[in-house]
Amino acid sequence: MPSDDDRTGAGWPAVAARRAAQEERHTAERTAAALAETKAAAAEGIDPVLVAATLRTLLAVLDADRAPGPVALTAAGTRP
């Protein structure tokens, strides 16, 4: 049985806030992982700028997959 919040729609701001917090944590985790990969590549002698650019492009593609509707990416892998 749905709660009063579900029936009246009063719970939707809380749901949106939880989703926003979850997205924020997810972004922070991905950023930390990308930074760790860049540092590891630099330690192995791989150009960190190239690694960072590749990771940035991959993260932009992942973001585009989750975004509602079509999202164009620039050559740098960022949204216009």
N, C-alpha and C. Protein backbone atom coordinates (compact mmCIF):
# COMPACT_ATOMS: atom_id res chain seq x y z
N MET A 1 0.86 -1.18 0.00
CA MET A 1 0.00 0.00 0.00
C MET A 1 0.91 1.25 0.00
N PRO A 2 0.64 2.18 -0.91
CA PRO A 2 1.50 3.37 -0.98
C PRO A 2 1.31 4.27 0.24
N SER A 3 2.38 4.95 0.60
CA SER A 3 2.29 5.89 1.72
C SER A 3 1.55 7.14 1.27
N ASP A 4 1.19 7.98 2.25
CA ASP A 4 0.52 9.24 1.92
C ASP A 4 1.38 10.09 1.01
N ASP A 5 2.70 10.07 1.25
CA ASP A 5 3.60 10.86 0.41
C ASP A 5 3.54 10.38 -1.03
N ASP A 6 3.47 9.05 -1.25
CA ASP A 6 3.40 8.52 -2.60
C ASP A 6 2.11 8.91 -3.30
N ARG A 7 1.02 8.87 -2.56
CA ARG A 7 -0.29 9.17 -3.17
C ARG A 7 -0.43 10.65 -3.48
N THR A 8 0.10 11.51 -2.63
CA THR A 8 -0.08 12.95 -2.81
C THR A 8 1.03 13.57 -3.65
N GLY A 9 2.12 12.84 -3.84
CA GLY A 9 3.24 13.39 -4.57
C GLY A 9 4.18 14.19 -3.70
N ALA A 10 3.87 14.27 -2.40
CA ALA A 10 4.71 15.06 -1.49
C ALA A 10 6.08 14.42 -1.30
N GLY A 11 6.20 13.13 -1.61
CA GLY A 11 7.47 12.44 -1.44
C GLY A 11 8.44 12.66 -2.58
N TRP A 12 7.98 13.21 -3.69
CA TRP A 12 8.85 13.37 -4.86
C TRP A 12 10.04 14.28 -4.62
N PRO A 13 9.92 15.38 -3.88
CA PRO A 13 11.13 16.17 -3.61
C PRO A 13 12.19 15.37 -2.86
N ALA A 14 11.75 14.52 -1.94
CA ALA A 14 12.71 13.68 -1.20
C ALA A 14 13.36 12.67 -2.13
N VAL A 15 12.58 12.10 -3.03
CA VAL A 15 13.13 11.15 -4.00
C VAL A 15 14.15 11.85 -4.89
N ALA A 16 13.81 13.03 -5.36
CA ALA A 16 14.73 13.80 -6.21
C ALA A 16 16.00 14.15 -5.45
N ALA A 17 15.87 14.50 -4.18
CA ALA A 17 17.05 14.84 -3.38
C ALA A 17 17.94 13.62 -3.18
N ARG A 18 17.33 12.45 -2.94
CA ARG A 18 18.13 11.23 -2.78
C ARG A 18 18.85 10.89 -4.08
N ARG A 19 18.16 11.04 -5.20
CA ARG A 19 18.79 10.74 -6.49
C ARG A 19 19.93 11.71 -6.78
N ALA A 20 19.73 12.97 -6.46
CA ALA A 20 20.79 13.96 -6.68
C ALA A 20 22.01 13.65 -5.82
N ALA A 21 21.77 13.25 -4.58
CA ALA A 21 22.88 12.90 -3.69
C ALA A 21 23.60 11.65 -4.21
N GLN A 22 22.84 10.70 -4.71
CA GLN A 22 23.43 9.48 -5.26
C GLN A 22 24.28 9.81 -6.49
N GLU A 23 23.77 10.66 -7.36
CA GLU A 23 24.54 11.09 -8.54
C GLU A 23 25.82 11.80 -8.14
N GLU A 24 25.73 12.64 -7.10
CA GLU A 24 26.90 13.37 -6.61
C GLU A 24 27.97 12.40 -6.10
N ARG A 25 27.55 11.40 -5.34
CA ARG A 25 28.49 10.39 -4.84
C ARG A 25 29.10 9.60 -5.99
N HIS A 26 28.26 9.25 -6.96
CA HIS A 26 28.73 8.49 -8.12
C HIS A 26 29.77 9.29 -8.90
N THR A 27 29.51 10.57 -9.09
CA THR A 27 30.45 11.43 -9.81
C THR A 27 31.76 11.55 -9.04
N ALA A 28 31.68 11.69 -7.72
CA ALA A 28 32.89 11.79 -6.91
C ALA A 28 33.70 10.50 -6.98
N GLU A 29 33.03 9.36 -6.96
CA GLU A 29 33.72 8.07 -7.06
C GLU A 29 34.40 7.93 -8.41
N ARG A 30 33.71 8.30 -9.48
CA ARG A 30 34.29 8.20 -10.83
C ARG A 30 35.47 9.15 -10.98
N THR A 31 35.35 10.34 -10.42
CA THR A 31 36.44 11.31 -10.49
C THR A 31 37.67 10.79 -9.76
N ALA A 32 37.45 10.23 -8.58
CA ALA A 32 38.56 9.68 -7.80
C ALA A 32 39.22 8.51 -8.54
N ALA A 33 38.41 7.67 -9.17
CA ALA A 33 38.96 6.54 -9.93
C ALA A 33 39.76 7.04 -11.13
N ALA A 34 39.25 8.06 -11.82
CA ALA A 34 39.96 8.60 -12.97
C ALA A 34 41.30 9.23 -12.54
N LEU A 35 41.29 9.91 -11.41
CA LEU A 35 42.53 10.51 -10.90
C LEU A 35 43.54 9.42 -10.54
N ALA A 36 43.07 8.35 -9.92
CA ALA A 36 43.96 7.23 -9.56
C ALA A 36 44.56 6.59 -10.81
N GLU A 37 43.74 6.42 -11.85
CA GLU A 37 44.23 5.85 -13.11
C GLU A 37 45.28 6.76 -13.73
N THR A 38 45.03 8.05 -13.71
CA THR A 38 45.98 9.01 -14.28
C THR A 38 47.31 8.96 -13.53
N LYS A 39 47.25 8.92 -12.20
CA LYS A 39 48.48 8.85 -11.40
C LYS A 39 49.23 7.54 -11.65
N ALA A 40 48.49 6.43 -11.76
CA ALA A 40 49.12 5.13 -12.02
C ALA A 40 49.80 5.13 -13.39
N ALA A 41 49.14 5.71 -14.38
CA ALA A 41 49.72 5.77 -15.72
C ALA A 41 50.98 6.62 -15.72
N ALA A 42 50.94 7.74 -15.01
CA ALA A 42 52.11 8.60 -14.93
C ALA A 42 53.27 7.86 -14.26
N ALA A 43 52.97 7.06 -13.25
CA ALA A 43 54.02 6.29 -12.56
C ALA A 43 54.66 5.25 -13.49
N GLU A 44 53.89 4.80 -14.48
CA GLU A 44 54.41 3.81 -15.43
C GLU A 44 55.07 4.47 -16.64
N GLY A 45 55.10 5.80 -16.65
CA GLY A 45 55.74 6.52 -17.75
C GLY A 45 54.82 6.83 -18.91
N ILE A 46 53.53 6.59 -18.76
CA ILE A 46 52.57 6.92 -19.82
C ILE A 46 52.19 8.39 -19.66
N ASP A 47 52.05 9.08 -20.76
CA ASP A 47 51.74 10.50 -20.74
C ASP A 47 50.43 10.74 -19.99
N PRO A 48 50.47 11.42 -18.83
CA PRO A 48 49.26 11.63 -18.05
C PRO A 48 48.23 12.51 -18.75
N VAL A 49 48.68 13.40 -19.63
CA VAL A 49 47.75 14.25 -20.37
C VAL A 49 46.91 13.39 -21.31
N LEU A 50 47.55 12.44 -21.98
CA LEU A 50 46.83 11.54 -22.86
C LEU A 50 45.84 10.67 -22.08
N VAL A 51 46.28 10.15 -20.94
CA VAL A 51 45.40 9.33 -20.11
C VAL A 51 44.21 10.15 -19.62
N ALA A 52 44.48 11.36 -19.14
CA ALA A 52 43.41 12.22 -18.64
C ALA A 52 42.41 12.55 -19.74
N ALA A 53 42.90 12.84 -20.93
CA ALA A 53 42.00 13.15 -22.04
C ALA A 53 41.14 11.93 -22.41
N THR A 54 41.74 10.76 -22.41
CA THR A 54 41.00 9.54 -22.72
C THR A 54 39.93 9.27 -21.67
N LEU A 55 40.31 9.39 -20.40
CA LEU A 55 39.35 9.17 -19.33
C LEU A 55 38.22 10.20 -19.37
N ARG A 56 38.56 11.45 -19.65
CA ARG A 56 37.55 12.51 -19.74
C ARG A 56 36.54 12.19 -20.84
N THR A 57 37.06 11.70 -21.98
CA THR A 57 36.17 11.33 -23.08
C THR A 57 35.27 10.17 -22.69
N LEU A 58 35.84 9.17 -22.05
CA LEU A 58 35.04 8.02 -21.63
C LEU A 58 33.97 8.42 -20.62
N LEU A 59 34.33 9.26 -19.67
CA LEU A 59 33.35 9.71 -18.69
C LEU A 59 32.25 10.53 -19.35
N ALA A 60 32.59 11.34 -20.34
CA ALA A 60 31.58 12.12 -21.04
C ALA A 60 30.62 11.21 -21.80
N VAL A 61 31.14 10.14 -22.38
CA VAL A 61 30.27 9.19 -23.09
C VAL A 61 29.34 8.51 -22.09
N LEU A 62 29.86 8.13 -20.93
CA LEU A 62 29.01 7.53 -19.90
C LEU A 62 27.93 8.50 -19.45
N ASP A 63 28.29 9.77 -19.27
CA ASP A 63 27.30 10.78 -18.89
C ASP A 63 26.24 10.94 -19.96
N ALA A 64 26.66 10.91 -21.22
CA ALA A 64 25.72 11.06 -22.32
C ALA A 64 24.75 9.89 -22.36
N ASP A 65 25.22 8.70 -21.99
CA ASP A 65 24.34 7.54 -21.94
C ASP A 65 23.24 7.71 -20.92
N ARG A 66 23.55 8.37 -19.80
CA ARG A 66 22.56 8.54 -18.73
C ARG A 66 21.69 9.77 -18.94
N ALA A 67 22.11 10.69 -19.77
CA ALA A 67 21.39 11.95 -19.94
C ALA A 67 20.08 11.71 -20.69
N PRO A 68 19.04 12.44 -20.30
CA PRO A 68 17.78 12.32 -21.04
C PRO A 68 17.90 13.00 -22.40
N GLY A 69 17.46 12.35 -23.43
CA GLY A 69 17.49 12.94 -24.77
C GLY A 69 18.87 12.90 -25.38
N PRO A 70 18.95 13.35 -26.64
CA PRO A 70 20.24 13.34 -27.32
C PRO A 70 21.19 14.39 -26.75
N VAL A 71 22.44 14.01 -26.62
CA VAL A 71 23.47 14.92 -26.11
C VAL A 71 24.64 14.86 -27.06
N ALA A 72 25.01 16.01 -27.57
CA ALA A 72 26.16 16.08 -28.48
C ALA A 72 27.43 16.22 -27.66
N LEU A 73 28.49 15.59 -28.12
CA LEU A 73 29.78 15.73 -27.46
C LEU A 73 30.74 16.45 -28.40
N THR A 74 31.57 17.31 -27.84
CA THR A 74 32.56 17.99 -28.65
C THR A 74 33.73 17.04 -28.89
N ALA A 75 34.68 17.46 -29.67
CA ALA A 75 35.85 16.63 -29.95
C ALA A 75 36.63 16.32 -28.68
N ALA A 76 36.55 17.21 -27.70
CA ALA A 76 37.26 17.00 -26.43
C ALA A 76 36.49 16.07 -25.50
N GLY A 77 35.30 15.63 -25.94
CA GLY A 77 34.52 14.71 -25.12
C GLY A 77 33.70 15.40 -24.05
N THR A 78 33.45 16.69 -24.23
CA THR A 78 32.64 17.41 -23.26
C THR A 78 31.35 17.86 -23.94
N ARG A 79 30.40 18.20 -23.12
CA ARG A 79 29.13 18.70 -23.68
C ARG A 79 29.32 20.15 -24.11
N PRO A 80 28.69 20.51 -25.23
CA PRO A 80 28.82 21.90 -25.69
C PRO A 80 28.15 22.88 -24.75
